[in-house]
C-alpha atoms as a PDB file:
ATOM      1  CA  MET A   1     170.245  16.165 139.074  1.00  0.00           C
ATOM      2  CA  THR A   2     167.699  18.522 140.606  1.00  0.00           C
ATOM      3  CA  ARG A   3     164.395  16.956 141.526  1.00  0.00           C
ATOM      4  CA  PRO A   4     161.408  19.192 140.783  1.00  0.00           C
ATOM      5  CA  PRO A   5     159.641  20.170 144.015  1.00  0.00           C
ATOM      6  CA  ILE A   6     156.131  19.033 144.814  1.00  0.00           C
ATOM      7  CA  LEU A   7     153.389  21.375 145.972  1.00  0.00           C
ATOM      8  CA  VAL A   8     151.220  19.729 148.628  1.00  0.00           C
ATOM      9  CA  ILE A   9     147.813  21.380 149.054  1.00  0.00           C
ATOM     10  CA  THR A  10     145.637  20.424 152.003  1.00  0.00           C
ATOM     11  CA  THR A  11     141.885  20.958 151.802  1.00  0.00           C
ATOM     12  CA  GLY A  12     140.676  19.031 154.846  1.00  0.00           C
ATOM     13  CA  GLY A  13     138.672  15.845 154.642  1.00  0.00           C
ATOM     14  CA  THR A  14     138.860  12.755 156.801  1.00  0.00           C
ATOM     15  CA  ILE A  15     142.647  12.649 156.549  1.00  0.00           C
ATOM     16  CA  ASP A  16     142.830  15.728 158.835  1.00  0.00           C
ATOM     17  CA  LYS A  17     139.837  14.997 161.088  1.00  0.00           C
ATOM     18  CA  GLN A  18     140.110  14.942 164.857  1.00  0.00           C
ATOM     19  CA  TYR A  19     137.756  13.147 167.195  1.00  0.00           C
ATOM     20  CA  PHE A  20     136.452  15.214 170.101  1.00  0.00           C
ATOM     21  CA  ASP A  21     135.365  12.631 172.652  1.00  0.00           C
ATOM     22  CA  ALA A  22     133.295  15.001 174.787  1.00  0.00           C
ATOM     23  CA  LEU A  23     131.363  16.091 171.712  1.00  0.00           C
ATOM     24  CA  SER A  24     131.232  12.616 170.098  1.00  0.00           C
ATOM     25  CA  GLU A  25     131.954  14.173 166.720  1.00  0.00           C
ATOM     26  CA  TYR A  26     134.754  14.792 164.246  1.00  0.00           C
ATOM     27  CA  LYS A  27     136.101  18.171 163.223  1.00  0.00           C
ATOM     28  CA  ILE A  28     138.788  19.106 160.755  1.00  0.00           C
ATOM     29  CA  GLY A  29     141.820  20.215 162.726  1.00  0.00           C
ATOM     30  CA  ASP A  30     145.279  21.478 161.892  1.00  0.00           C
ATOM     31  CA  SER A  31     146.678  19.553 158.968  1.00  0.00           C
ATOM     32  CA  VAL A  32     148.937  16.622 159.859  1.00  0.00           C
ATOM     33  CA  ILE A  33     150.286  16.263 156.319  1.00  0.00           C
ATOM     34  CA  GLU A  34     153.628  17.990 156.886  1.00  0.00           C
ATOM     35  CA  GLN A  35     154.101  15.907 160.047  1.00  0.00           C
ATOM     36  CA  LEU A  36     153.370  12.694 158.106  1.00  0.00           C
ATOM     37  CA  LEU A  37     155.934  13.627 155.450  1.00  0.00           C
ATOM     38  CA  THR A  38     158.510  14.526 158.100  1.00  0.00           C
ATOM     39  CA  THR A  39     157.868  11.289 160.024  1.00  0.00           C
ATOM     40  CA  ALA A  40     158.302   9.361 156.754  1.00  0.00           C
ATOM     41  CA  ARG A  41     161.659  11.127 156.310  1.00  0.00           C
ATOM     42  CA  VAL A  42     160.709  12.429 152.873  1.00  0.00           C
ATOM     43  CA  LYS A  43     163.783  14.020 151.317  1.00  0.00           C
ATOM     44  CA  HIS A  44     162.207  15.023 148.011  1.00  0.00           C
ATOM     45  CA  PRO A  45     161.662  18.806 148.073  1.00  0.00           C
ATOM     46  CA  PHE A  46     158.086  19.832 148.852  1.00  0.00           C
ATOM     47  CA  ARG A  47     156.077  22.808 149.998  1.00  0.00           C
ATOM     48  CA  VAL A  48     152.815  22.484 151.973  1.00  0.00           C
ATOM     49  CA  VAL A  49     149.987  24.986 151.564  1.00  0.00           C
ATOM     50  CA  GLU A  50     147.095  24.548 153.985  1.00  0.00           C
ATOM     51  CA  LEU A  51     144.386  25.963 151.750  1.00  0.00           C
ATOM     52  CA  MET A  52     141.177  24.852 153.467  1.00  0.00           C
ATOM     53  CA  ARG A  53     139.835  22.880 156.411  1.00  0.00           C
ATOM     54  CA  LYS A  54     136.619  21.488 155.002  1.00  0.00           C
ATOM     55  CA  ASP A  55     134.800  18.223 154.748  1.00  0.00           C
ATOM     56  CA  SER A  56     134.640  17.524 151.017  1.00  0.00           C
ATOM     57  CA  LEU A  57     130.846  17.521 151.152  1.00  0.00           C
ATOM     58  CA  GLU A  58     131.117  21.219 152.073  1.00  0.00           C
ATOM     59  CA  LEU A  59     133.409  22.135 149.152  1.00  0.00           C
ATOM     60  CA  THR A  60     131.809  24.447 146.598  1.00  0.00           C
ATOM     61  CA  ASP A  61     132.586  25.269 142.993  1.00  0.00           C
ATOM     62  CA  ALA A  62     134.142  28.489 144.299  1.00  0.00           C
ATOM     63  CA  ASP A  63     136.450  26.408 146.541  1.00  0.00           C
ATOM     64  CA  ARG A  64     137.448  24.305 143.538  1.00  0.00           C
ATOM     65  CA  ASP A  65     138.198  27.517 141.643  1.00  0.00           C
ATOM     66  CA  VAL A  66     140.507  28.576 144.503  1.00  0.00           C
ATOM     67  CA  ILE A  67     142.285  25.194 144.351  1.00  0.00           C
ATOM     68  CA  ALA A  68     142.716  25.521 140.569  1.00  0.00           C
ATOM     69  CA  ALA A  69     143.945  29.115 140.835  1.00  0.00           C
ATOM     70  CA  THR A  70     146.446  28.159 143.543  1.00  0.00           C
ATOM     71  CA  ILE A  71     147.845  25.414 141.322  1.00  0.00           C
ATOM     72  CA  ALA A  72     147.917  27.630 138.221  1.00  0.00           C
ATOM     73  CA  ALA A  73     149.822  30.371 140.086  1.00  0.00           C
ATOM     74  CA  ALA A  74     152.339  27.994 141.696  1.00  0.00           C
ATOM     75  CA  PRO A  75     155.798  27.458 140.232  1.00  0.00           C
ATOM     76  CA  GLU A  76     155.593  23.715 140.947  1.00  0.00           C
ATOM     77  CA  LYS A  77     154.412  21.486 138.074  1.00  0.00           C
ATOM     78  CA  ARG A  78     153.772  18.499 140.369  1.00  0.00           C
ATOM     79  CA  VAL A  79     150.980  18.751 142.914  1.00  0.00           C
ATOM     80  CA  VAL A  80     149.546  16.490 145.620  1.00  0.00           C
ATOM     81  CA  ILE A  81     146.173  17.458 147.066  1.00  0.00           C
ATOM     82  CA  THR A  82     144.817  15.942 150.261  1.00  0.00           C
ATOM     83  CA  HIS A  83     141.067  15.867 149.966  1.00  0.00           C
ATOM     84  CA  GLY A  84     137.965  14.270 151.406  1.00  0.00           C
ATOM     85  CA  THR A  85     136.911  11.170 149.501  1.00  0.00           C
ATOM     86  CA  ASP A  86     133.223  12.008 149.008  1.00  0.00           C
ATOM     87  CA  THR A  87     133.765  14.685 146.347  1.00  0.00           C
ATOM     88  CA  MET A  88     137.342  13.971 145.307  1.00  0.00           C
ATOM     89  CA  THR A  89     136.242  13.046 141.789  1.00  0.00           C
ATOM     90  CA  GLU A  90     134.370  16.341 141.386  1.00  0.00           C
ATOM     91  CA  THR A  91     137.531  18.256 142.231  1.00  0.00           C
ATOM     92  CA  ALA A  92     139.541  16.078 139.830  1.00  0.00           C
ATOM     93  CA  LYS A  93     137.179  17.069 137.016  1.00  0.00           C
ATOM     94  CA  ALA A  94     137.457  20.757 137.990  1.00  0.00           C
ATOM     95  CA  LEU A  95     141.254  20.556 137.628  1.00  0.00           C
ATOM     96  CA  ALA A  96     141.364  18.719 134.293  1.00  0.00           C
ATOM     97  CA  HIS A  97     142.018  21.949 132.376  1.00  0.00           C
ATOM     98  CA  LEU A  98     145.448  22.303 134.033  1.00  0.00           C
ATOM     99  CA  LYS A  99     147.103  20.204 131.331  1.00  0.00           C
ATOM    100  CA  ASP A 100     150.721  21.119 132.118  1.00  0.00           C
ATOM    101  CA  ARG A 101     150.604  19.769 135.693  1.00  0.00           C
ATOM    102  CA  THR A 102     150.748  16.351 137.276  1.00  0.00           C
ATOM    103  CA  ILE A 103     148.044  16.524 139.950  1.00  0.00           C
ATOM    104  CA  VAL A 104     147.388  13.681 142.370  1.00  0.00           C
ATOM    105  CA  LEU A 105     144.511  13.667 144.850  1.00  0.00           C
ATOM    106  CA  ALA A 106     144.602  11.425 147.912  1.00  0.00           C
ATOM    107  CA  GLY A 107     142.575  11.079 151.064  1.00  0.00           C
ATOM    108  CA  ALA A 108     141.771   8.587 153.756  1.00  0.00           C
ATOM    109  CA  LEU A 109     138.851   6.519 154.929  1.00  0.00           C
ATOM    110  CA  ALA A 110     140.072   6.903 158.537  1.00  0.00           C
ATOM    111  CA  PRO A 111     141.721  10.007 160.069  1.00  0.00           C
ATOM    112  CA  ALA A 112     145.540  10.144 159.952  1.00  0.00           C
ATOM    113  CA  ARG A 113     145.540  10.516 163.729  1.00  0.00           C
ATOM    114  CA  PHE A 114     144.105   6.986 164.064  1.00  0.00           C
ATOM    115  CA  LYS A 115     146.524   4.078 164.432  1.00  0.00           C
ATOM    116  CA  GLU A 116     144.679   2.020 161.815  1.00  0.00           C
ATOM    117  CA  SER A 117     144.488   4.838 159.239  1.00  0.00           C
ATOM    118  CA  ASP A 118     145.155   4.377 155.550  1.00  0.00           C
ATOM    119  CA  ALA A 119     146.328   8.018 155.396  1.00  0.00           C
ATOM    120  CA  PRO A 120     150.134   7.547 155.517  1.00  0.00           C
ATOM    121  CA  PHE A 121     150.051   4.878 152.810  1.00  0.00           C
ATOM    122  CA  ASN A 122     147.722   6.877 150.562  1.00  0.00           C
ATOM    123  CA  LEU A 123     149.853  10.003 150.976  1.00  0.00           C
ATOM    124  CA  GLY A 124     152.988   8.006 150.147  1.00  0.00           C
ATOM    125  CA  MET A 125     151.312   6.588 147.045  1.00  0.00           C
ATOM    126  CA  ALA A 126     150.295  10.094 145.973  1.00  0.00           C
ATOM    127  CA  PHE A 127     153.814  11.406 146.499  1.00  0.00           C
ATOM    128  CA  ALA A 128     155.310   8.577 144.421  1.00  0.00           C
ATOM    129  CA  CYS A 129     152.654   8.827 141.714  1.00  0.00           C
ATOM    130  CA  CYS A 130     153.210  12.571 141.448  1.00  0.00           C
ATOM    131  CA  GLN A 131     156.887  11.994 140.666  1.00  0.00           C
ATOM    132  CA  ALA A 132     156.325   9.211 138.124  1.00  0.00           C
ATOM    133  CA  ALA A 133     153.045   9.988 136.334  1.00  0.00           C
ATOM    134  CA  GLN A 134     152.576  12.012 133.189  1.00  0.00           C
ATOM    135  CA  PRO A 135     150.734  15.348 133.375  1.00  0.00           C
ATOM    136  CA  GLY A 136     147.053  14.870 134.149  1.00  0.00           C
ATOM    137  CA  VAL A 137     144.808  14.350 137.144  1.00  0.00           C
ATOM    138  CA  TRP A 138     145.203  11.163 139.159  1.00  0.00           C
ATOM    139  CA  ILE A 139     143.667   9.709 142.313  1.00  0.00           C
ATOM    140  CA  THR A 140     145.597   7.336 144.567  1.00  0.00           C
ATOM    141  CA  MET A 141     143.629   5.379 147.114  1.00  0.00           C
ATOM    142  CA  ASN A 142     144.260   2.063 148.846  1.00  0.00           C
ATOM    143  CA  GLY A 143     147.200   0.934 146.748  1.00  0.00           C
ATOM    144  CA  THR A 144     145.776   1.840 143.345  1.00  0.00           C
ATOM    145  CA  VAL A 145     146.422   4.712 140.946  1.00  0.00           C
ATOM    146  CA  PHE A 146     143.296   5.819 139.089  1.00  0.00           C
ATOM    147  CA  ASP A 147     142.749   8.147 136.173  1.00  0.00           C
ATOM    148  CA  GLY A 148     141.092  11.019 138.054  1.00  0.00           C
ATOM    149  CA  LEU A 149     138.495  11.393 135.326  1.00  0.00           C
ATOM    150  CA  ALA A 150     137.555   7.705 135.158  1.00  0.00           C
ATOM    151  CA  VAL A 151     136.941   6.704 138.776  1.00  0.00           C
ATOM    152  CA  ARG A 152     134.171   6.795 141.341  1.00  0.00           C
ATOM    153  CA  LYS A 153     133.833   6.108 145.050  1.00  0.00           C
ATOM    154  CA  ASP A 154     131.856   2.962 145.827  1.00  0.00           C
ATOM    155  CA  ARG A 155     130.432   3.898 149.208  1.00  0.00           C
ATOM    156  CA  GLU A 156     129.143   0.395 149.958  1.00  0.00           C
ATOM    157  CA  ALA A 157     132.535  -1.182 149.329  1.00  0.00           C
ATOM    158  CA  GLY A 158     134.416   1.705 150.967  1.00  0.00           C
ATOM    159  CA  ALA A 159     136.764   1.864 147.986  1.00  0.00           C
ATOM    160  CA  PHE A 160     137.388   3.606 144.686  1.00  0.00           C
ATOM    161  CA  VAL A 161     136.690   1.777 141.431  1.00  0.00           C
ATOM    162  CA  SER A 162     137.504   2.542 137.816  1.00  0.00           C
ATOM    163  CA  ILE A 163     134.630   3.459 135.503  1.00  0.00           C
END
């Protein structure tokens, strides 16, 4: 049985941030997503497209249009998007019209390069959800799968909650 491949789109966000000690600030660096999938020994077929390197607070409607167009033009029907958590729900809403795709957004509250990061787990959840979920837009964060159109980030709690 052939397993349908998964398109993995990276947009930046905390998951791909690097800490520059001399500058005492974070910057979005080269994506580590393919490395995380390789380290996890993922055997399911996938293709990674590094689309953007932006903090999600910097994403515009035009950027969301580029994400949607990339998905619409891709042969893959299953898509994982790594994304900053601050505007992840806005992007989910902008992708809701892509009804024939299973789209899962995931991010991290700590950079993947950090030992204590939630990034590998969240990416693994997204990869699993993408294979099992029905078409629609989903968000996987911290061990939970959310309807991408019925969730919000609770900044005080540092977690996503259903609405």
